Amino acid sequence: MDPKLLDLLVCPITKAPLQFDKAGGELIAVESGLAFPIKDGIPVMLEDEARKLSETELTMWRKRRTPAP
């Protein structure tokens, strides 16, 4: 995923930044607890297409976030 594109995209529900899950091919929205799929290189930013993150996944992604400078 192009880092510039990732900087522009936000969660469509909370407008919070997203995290890229390269292994899972998803964009992670921690605040809304959703994972948005990337299909054929295109992020699908529809709530109906997203999957709900488990509590374990949410905890892991919260720990990965880097604090703003």
C-alpha atoms as a PDB file:
ATOM      1  CA  MET A   1       0.000   0.000   0.000  1.00  0.00           C
ATOM      2  CA  ASP A   2       1.319   3.389  -0.957  1.00  0.00           C
ATOM      3  CA  PRO A   3       2.206   5.291   2.259  1.00  0.00           C
ATOM      4  CA  LYS A   4       0.875   8.526   0.734  1.00  0.00           C
ATOM      5  CA  LEU A   5      -2.498   6.926   0.115  1.00  0.00           C
ATOM      6  CA  LEU A   6      -2.553   5.526   3.640  1.00  0.00           C
ATOM      7  CA  ASP A   7      -1.935   9.039   4.984  1.00  0.00           C
ATOM      8  CA  LEU A   8      -4.975  10.318   3.063  1.00  0.00           C
ATOM      9  CA  LEU A   9      -7.419   7.564   3.966  1.00  0.00           C
ATOM     10  CA  VAL A  10      -9.382   7.646   7.213  1.00  0.00           C
ATOM     11  CA  CYS A  11     -12.060   5.479   8.751  1.00  0.00           C
ATOM     12  CA  PRO A  12     -15.387   6.393   7.119  1.00  0.00           C
ATOM     13  CA  ILE A  13     -17.158   6.086  10.472  1.00  0.00           C
ATOM     14  CA  THR A  14     -14.846   7.850  12.952  1.00  0.00           C
ATOM     15  CA  LYS A  15     -12.562   9.764  10.542  1.00  0.00           C
ATOM     16  CA  ALA A  16      -9.606   8.388  12.532  1.00  0.00           C
ATOM     17  CA  PRO A  17      -6.332   7.254  10.879  1.00  0.00           C
ATOM     18  CA  LEU A  18      -5.995   3.693   9.628  1.00  0.00           C
ATOM     19  CA  GLN A  19      -3.260   1.100  10.046  1.00  0.00           C
ATOM     20  CA  PHE A  20      -2.158  -1.195   7.234  1.00  0.00           C
ATOM     21  CA  ASP A  21      -2.191  -4.928   7.854  1.00  0.00           C
ATOM     22  CA  LYS A  22       0.007  -6.205   5.037  1.00  0.00           C
ATOM     23  CA  ALA A  23      -0.347  -9.865   6.024  1.00  0.00           C
ATOM     24  CA  GLY A  24      -4.129  -9.692   6.175  1.00  0.00           C
ATOM     25  CA  GLY A  25      -4.603  -7.328   3.245  1.00  0.00           C
ATOM     26  CA  GLU A  26      -6.745  -4.985   5.315  1.00  0.00           C
ATOM     27  CA  LEU A  27      -6.876  -1.466   6.641  1.00  0.00           C
ATOM     28  CA  ILE A  28      -7.447  -1.459  10.386  1.00  0.00           C
ATOM     29  CA  ALA A  29      -9.634   1.145  12.080  1.00  0.00           C
ATOM     30  CA  VAL A  30      -8.969   0.717  15.788  1.00  0.00           C
ATOM     31  CA  GLU A  31     -11.464   3.344  16.976  1.00  0.00           C
ATOM     32  CA  SER A  32     -14.389   1.750  15.147  1.00  0.00           C
ATOM     33  CA  GLY A  33     -13.098  -1.805  15.630  1.00  0.00           C
ATOM     34  CA  LEU A  34     -13.309  -2.637  11.925  1.00  0.00           C
ATOM     35  CA  ALA A  35     -11.006  -4.088   9.272  1.00  0.00           C
ATOM     36  CA  PHE A  36     -11.606  -2.836   5.735  1.00  0.00           C
ATOM     37  CA  PRO A  37     -10.547  -5.209   2.938  1.00  0.00           C
ATOM     38  CA  ILE A  38      -8.209  -4.346   0.095  1.00  0.00           C
ATOM     39  CA  LYS A  39      -9.414  -6.009  -3.115  1.00  0.00           C
ATOM     40  CA  ASP A  40      -7.206  -5.979  -6.212  1.00  0.00           C
ATOM     41  CA  GLY A  41      -5.111  -3.236  -4.614  1.00  0.00           C
ATOM     42  CA  ILE A  42      -8.140  -1.001  -3.945  1.00  0.00           C
ATOM     43  CA  PRO A  43      -9.300  -0.284  -0.373  1.00  0.00           C
ATOM     44  CA  VAL A  44     -13.005  -1.009   0.069  1.00  0.00           C
ATOM     45  CA  MET A  45     -14.065   1.630   2.580  1.00  0.00           C
ATOM     46  CA  LEU A  46     -17.662   0.494   3.055  1.00  0.00           C
ATOM     47  CA  GLU A  47     -18.914  -0.386   6.521  1.00  0.00           C
ATOM     48  CA  ASP A  48     -20.967  -3.264   5.082  1.00  0.00           C
ATOM     49  CA  GLU A  49     -17.807  -4.817   3.583  1.00  0.00           C
ATOM     50  CA  ALA A  50     -15.705  -4.445   6.762  1.00  0.00           C
ATOM     51  CA  ARG A  51     -15.315  -7.156   9.341  1.00  0.00           C
ATOM     52  CA  LYS A  52     -15.533  -6.623  13.090  1.00  0.00           C
ATOM     53  CA  LEU A  53     -12.237  -7.022  14.928  1.00  0.00           C
ATOM     54  CA  SER A  54     -12.076  -9.359  17.914  1.00  0.00           C
ATOM     55  CA  GLU A  55     -11.046  -8.011  21.310  1.00  0.00           C
ATOM     56  CA  THR A  56      -7.700  -9.806  20.921  1.00  0.00           C
ATOM     57  CA  GLU A  57      -7.092  -8.129  17.553  1.00  0.00           C
ATOM     58  CA  LEU A  58      -8.082  -4.720  18.925  1.00  0.00           C
ATOM     59  CA  THR A  59      -5.651  -5.085  21.809  1.00  0.00           C
ATOM     60  CA  MET A  60      -2.850  -6.072  19.432  1.00  0.00           C
ATOM     61  CA  TRP A  61      -3.512  -3.129  17.076  1.00  0.00           C
ATOM     62  CA  ARG A  62      -3.750  -0.645  19.961  1.00  0.00           C
ATOM     63  CA  LYS A  63      -0.281  -1.741  21.083  1.00  0.00           C
ATOM     64  CA  ARG A  64       1.099  -1.271  17.555  1.00  0.00           C
ATOM     65  CA  ARG A  65       0.005   2.338  17.276  1.00  0.00           C
ATOM     66  CA  THR A  66       2.793   4.807  17.479  1.00  0.00           C
ATOM     67  CA  PRO A  67       2.133   7.975  19.475  1.00  0.00           C
ATOM     68  CA  ALA A  68       2.063  11.272  17.610  1.00  0.00           C
ATOM     69  CA  PRO A  69       5.189  13.401  18.043  1.00  0.00           C
END
